[in-house]
Amino acid sequence: MLDFRKIEKVAQKISSILPDDPKILKQEFKNSTKPFLSAILKKADLVTRQEFEAQRNLLQQAERKLRELEIRLKNFKE
């Protein structure tokens, strides 16, 4: 779940580091915020689409095996 207070802190930090001169704004923004945002995203524990798909496939396989075992167990009891 996103913590909007943390997002507000991020916005405040970004605005506090922005220079008054618009000519250097782009480079300063890149240099100052990229590491900060990278750290936040790492803490968010996000996964890539490939990792998500791999985990989804493993879960689907496990669910299929579980259904098969449930059927076998039911037939065994009968």
C-alpha atoms as a PDB file:
ATOM      1  CA  MET A   1       0.000   0.000   0.000  1.00  0.00           C
ATOM      2  CA  LEU A   2       1.322   3.412  -0.862  1.00  0.00           C
ATOM      3  CA  ASP A   3       2.003   5.785   1.993  1.00  0.00           C
ATOM      4  CA  PHE A   4       0.964   9.220   0.763  1.00  0.00           C
ATOM      5  CA  ARG A   5       2.931  10.922   3.523  1.00  0.00           C
ATOM      6  CA  LYS A   6       6.098   9.443   2.065  1.00  0.00           C
ATOM      7  CA  ILE A   7       5.091  10.623  -1.389  1.00  0.00           C
ATOM      8  CA  GLU A   8       4.520  14.111   0.008  1.00  0.00           C
ATOM      9  CA  LYS A   9       7.989  14.013   1.586  1.00  0.00           C
ATOM     10  CA  VAL A  10       9.438  12.986  -1.785  1.00  0.00           C
ATOM     11  CA  ALA A  11       7.679  15.890  -3.472  1.00  0.00           C
ATOM     12  CA  GLN A  12       8.970  18.305  -0.830  1.00  0.00           C
ATOM     13  CA  LYS A  13      12.528  17.042  -1.178  1.00  0.00           C
ATOM     14  CA  ILE A  14      12.358  17.320  -4.950  1.00  0.00           C
ATOM     15  CA  SER A  15      11.029  20.859  -4.821  1.00  0.00           C
ATOM     16  CA  SER A  16      13.672  21.878  -2.277  1.00  0.00           C
ATOM     17  CA  ILE A  17      16.532  20.765  -4.521  1.00  0.00           C
ATOM     18  CA  LEU A  18      15.267  22.360  -7.720  1.00  0.00           C
ATOM     19  CA  PRO A  19      17.408  25.317  -8.778  1.00  0.00           C
ATOM     20  CA  ASP A  20      15.962  28.723  -9.587  1.00  0.00           C
ATOM     21  CA  ASP A  21      17.730  28.801 -12.970  1.00  0.00           C
ATOM     22  CA  PRO A  22      15.666  26.792 -15.485  1.00  0.00           C
ATOM     23  CA  LYS A  23      18.734  26.145 -17.671  1.00  0.00           C
ATOM     24  CA  ILE A  24      20.275  23.791 -15.148  1.00  0.00           C
ATOM     25  CA  LEU A  25      16.997  22.367 -13.947  1.00  0.00           C
ATOM     26  CA  LYS A  26      17.048  19.280 -16.164  1.00  0.00           C
ATOM     27  CA  GLN A  27      20.531  18.098 -15.197  1.00  0.00           C
ATOM     28  CA  GLU A  28      20.100  18.934 -11.525  1.00  0.00           C
ATOM     29  CA  PHE A  29      16.797  17.124 -11.448  1.00  0.00           C
ATOM     30  CA  LYS A  30      18.322  14.029 -13.034  1.00  0.00           C
ATOM     31  CA  ASN A  31      21.376  14.007 -10.765  1.00  0.00           C
ATOM     32  CA  SER A  32      19.453  14.643  -7.571  1.00  0.00           C
ATOM     33  CA  THR A  33      16.280  12.635  -7.923  1.00  0.00           C
ATOM     34  CA  LYS A  34      17.318   9.511  -9.806  1.00  0.00           C
ATOM     35  CA  PRO A  35      19.153   7.881  -6.862  1.00  0.00           C
ATOM     36  CA  PHE A  36      16.435   8.976  -4.453  1.00  0.00           C
ATOM     37  CA  LEU A  37      13.604   7.557  -6.556  1.00  0.00           C
ATOM     38  CA  SER A  38      15.580   4.383  -7.230  1.00  0.00           C
ATOM     39  CA  ALA A  39      15.905   3.807  -3.493  1.00  0.00           C
ATOM     40  CA  ILE A  40      12.170   4.297  -2.985  1.00  0.00           C
ATOM     41  CA  LEU A  41      11.310   1.874  -5.769  1.00  0.00           C
ATOM     42  CA  LYS A  42      13.674  -0.744  -4.358  1.00  0.00           C
ATOM     43  CA  LYS A  43      11.950  -0.448  -0.986  1.00  0.00           C
ATOM     44  CA  ALA A  44       8.589  -0.911  -2.716  1.00  0.00           C
ATOM     45  CA  ASP A  45       9.685  -4.493  -3.492  1.00  0.00           C
ATOM     46  CA  LEU A  46       8.411  -4.414  -7.069  1.00  0.00           C
ATOM     47  CA  VAL A  47       9.014  -7.229  -9.516  1.00  0.00           C
ATOM     48  CA  THR A  48       9.454  -7.250 -13.257  1.00  0.00           C
ATOM     49  CA  ARG A  49       6.757  -8.563 -15.574  1.00  0.00           C
ATOM     50  CA  GLN A  50       8.960 -11.592 -16.314  1.00  0.00           C
ATOM     51  CA  GLU A  51       9.314 -12.411 -12.617  1.00  0.00           C
ATOM     52  CA  PHE A  52       5.581 -11.988 -12.123  1.00  0.00           C
ATOM     53  CA  GLU A  53       4.761 -14.274 -15.066  1.00  0.00           C
ATOM     54  CA  ALA A  54       7.212 -16.924 -13.852  1.00  0.00           C
ATOM     55  CA  GLN A  55       5.658 -16.913 -10.380  1.00  0.00           C
ATOM     56  CA  ARG A  56       2.156 -16.998 -11.869  1.00  0.00           C
ATOM     57  CA  ASN A  57       3.076 -20.022 -13.988  1.00  0.00           C
ATOM     58  CA  LEU A  58       4.496 -21.833 -10.949  1.00  0.00           C
ATOM     59  CA  LEU A  59       1.331 -21.084  -9.006  1.00  0.00           C
ATOM     60  CA  GLN A  60      -0.864 -22.394 -11.832  1.00  0.00           C
ATOM     61  CA  GLN A  61       1.174 -25.604 -11.974  1.00  0.00           C
ATOM     62  CA  ALA A  62       0.885 -26.058  -8.216  1.00  0.00           C
ATOM     63  CA  GLU A  63      -2.877 -25.482  -8.369  1.00  0.00           C
ATOM     64  CA  ARG A  64      -3.225 -28.099 -11.153  1.00  0.00           C
ATOM     65  CA  LYS A  65      -1.224 -30.631  -9.160  1.00  0.00           C
ATOM     66  CA  LEU A  66      -3.297 -29.916  -6.062  1.00  0.00           C
ATOM     67  CA  ARG A  67      -6.556 -30.482  -7.979  1.00  0.00           C
ATOM     68  CA  GLU A  68      -5.166 -33.747  -9.380  1.00  0.00           C
ATOM     69  CA  LEU A  69      -4.138 -34.921  -5.923  1.00  0.00           C
ATOM     70  CA  GLU A  70      -7.535 -34.007  -4.486  1.00  0.00           C
ATOM     71  CA  ILE A  71      -9.224 -36.076  -7.196  1.00  0.00           C
ATOM     72  CA  ARG A  72      -6.887 -39.020  -6.585  1.00  0.00           C
ATOM     73  CA  LEU A  73      -7.482 -38.817  -2.841  1.00  0.00           C
ATOM     74  CA  LYS A  74     -11.244 -38.667  -3.309  1.00  0.00           C
ATOM     75  CA  ASN A  75     -11.135 -41.720  -5.628  1.00  0.00           C
ATOM     76  CA  PHE A  76      -8.854 -43.557  -3.213  1.00  0.00           C
ATOM     77  CA  LYS A  77     -11.298 -43.042  -0.316  1.00  0.00           C
ATOM     78  CA  GLU A  78     -14.215 -44.384  -2.358  1.00  0.00           C
END
